[in-house]
Amino acid sequence: MDKPMDENELKSKIWMVVRKMPQKRYMVFLLHKRYELSYKEIAQVMDISINSVEIQMGSALKYIREELSGYYPDPRELDQPGKSKKNNKVNRGKAGPASTIG
């Protein structure tokens, strides 16, 4: 793995990845991360269900993690004493590069 990126480089790389997402996923991610709308507000604005917003955000975060896997370590894959990699569930959810977006 290359040297870790600084925060500005990471944000830039994340937004390059985000721009490649399908339009609906991109809009959900943009409204939540850039404009800080809640899932309920996004559902209302886009006329979709809250469940759809949750699915799109989950897919967006997974896509970002996969696209940046060579640049940024996924904390869920780091070894912890006393835990096997198979059962390592550290930092589920907003962990990883997408949590640095502001």
Protein backbone atom coordinates (compact mmCIF):
# COMPACT_ATOMS: atom_id res chain seq x y z
CA MET A 1 0.00 0.00 0.00
CA ASP A 2 1.26 3.49 -0.82
CA LYS A 3 1.84 6.17 1.77
CA PRO A 4 -1.49 7.31 3.32
CA MET A 5 -2.95 10.47 1.81
CA ASP A 6 -3.42 13.65 3.77
CA GLU A 7 -7.01 14.70 4.48
CA ASN A 8 -7.31 17.11 1.53
CA GLU A 9 -5.98 14.55 -0.93
CA LEU A 10 -8.35 11.96 0.49
CA LYS A 11 -11.39 14.25 0.20
CA SER A 12 -10.48 15.06 -3.39
CA LYS A 13 -10.10 11.37 -4.27
CA ILE A 14 -13.41 10.53 -2.55
CA TRP A 15 -15.31 13.16 -4.54
CA MET A 16 -13.73 11.89 -7.78
CA VAL A 17 -15.09 8.44 -6.91
CA VAL A 18 -18.48 9.85 -5.86
CA ARG A 19 -18.92 11.60 -9.22
CA LYS A 20 -18.75 8.19 -10.95
CA MET A 21 -21.75 6.81 -9.02
CA PRO A 22 -25.17 6.31 -10.59
CA GLN A 23 -27.22 9.53 -10.42
CA LYS A 24 -29.64 8.47 -7.66
CA ARG A 25 -26.84 7.21 -5.39
CA TYR A 26 -24.77 10.33 -6.12
CA MET A 27 -27.68 12.63 -5.21
CA VAL A 28 -28.42 10.81 -1.95
CA PHE A 29 -24.75 10.94 -0.97
CA LEU A 30 -24.41 14.61 -1.98
CA LEU A 31 -27.53 15.71 -0.11
CA HIS A 32 -26.45 13.89 3.04
CA LYS A 33 -22.72 14.64 3.12
CA ARG A 34 -22.47 18.04 1.42
CA TYR A 35 -25.81 19.59 2.39
CA GLU A 36 -26.25 17.68 5.67
CA LEU A 37 -29.86 16.65 5.01
CA SER A 38 -31.30 13.88 7.15
CA TYR A 39 -32.42 10.65 5.54
CA LYS A 40 -36.04 11.75 6.08
CA GLU A 41 -35.39 15.09 4.34
CA ILE A 42 -33.63 13.36 1.44
CA ALA A 43 -36.56 10.96 1.05
CA GLN A 44 -38.97 13.90 0.88
CA VAL A 45 -36.85 15.93 -1.57
CA MET A 46 -36.26 12.98 -3.89
CA ASP A 47 -39.73 11.45 -3.42
CA ILE A 48 -38.32 8.08 -2.38
CA SER A 49 -38.66 5.99 0.78
CA ILE A 50 -36.34 6.38 3.76
CA ASN A 51 -35.41 2.73 3.23
CA SER A 52 -34.29 3.58 -0.31
CA VAL A 53 -32.15 6.41 1.07
CA GLU A 54 -30.55 4.00 3.56
CA ILE A 55 -29.84 1.46 0.82
CA GLN A 56 -28.35 4.09 -1.49
CA MET A 57 -26.10 5.48 1.28
CA GLY A 58 -24.94 1.99 2.22
CA SER A 59 -24.16 1.24 -1.41
CA ALA A 60 -22.35 4.56 -1.79
CA LEU A 61 -20.15 3.97 1.26
CA LYS A 62 -19.37 0.43 0.16
CA TYR A 63 -18.45 1.66 -3.33
CA ILE A 64 -16.16 4.34 -1.90
CA ARG A 65 -14.42 1.84 0.40
CA GLU A 66 -13.89 -0.55 -2.52
CA GLU A 67 -12.60 2.15 -4.87
CA LEU A 68 -10.18 3.53 -2.27
CA SER A 69 -9.03 0.22 -0.82
CA GLY A 70 -5.55 0.62 -2.31
CA TYR A 71 -5.15 4.13 -0.93
CA TYR A 72 -6.67 3.97 2.52
CA PRO A 73 -6.80 1.05 4.97
CA ASP A 74 -10.27 -0.14 5.96
CA PRO A 75 -10.28 -0.14 9.78
CA ARG A 76 -12.55 -3.20 9.76
CA GLU A 77 -9.74 -5.26 8.25
CA LEU A 78 -7.09 -4.38 10.82
CA ASP A 79 -6.04 -7.10 13.22
CA GLN A 80 -6.96 -6.70 16.86
CA PRO A 81 -5.44 -8.79 19.63
CA GLY A 82 -7.74 -11.64 20.61
CA LYS A 83 -10.04 -11.34 17.56
CA SER A 84 -9.88 -13.26 14.34
CA LYS A 85 -10.19 -11.42 11.06
CA LYS A 86 -13.36 -13.36 10.32
CA ASN A 87 -15.17 -12.00 13.37
CA ASN A 88 -13.63 -8.52 13.39
CA LYS A 89 -16.54 -6.06 13.34
CA VAL A 90 -14.70 -2.93 14.41
CA ASN A 91 -16.04 0.46 13.24
CA ARG A 92 -19.01 -0.79 11.23
CA GLY A 93 -21.09 1.88 9.55
CA LYS A 94 -19.42 5.24 8.91
CA ALA A 95 -15.86 4.02 9.27
CA GLY A 96 -13.35 4.58 6.54
CA PRO A 97 -12.69 7.34 4.05
CA ALA A 98 -16.26 8.54 3.59
CA SER A 99 -16.42 9.65 7.21
CA THR A 100 -13.81 12.34 6.48
CA ILE A 101 -16.03 14.18 4.02
CA GLY A 102 -17.28 17.49 5.19
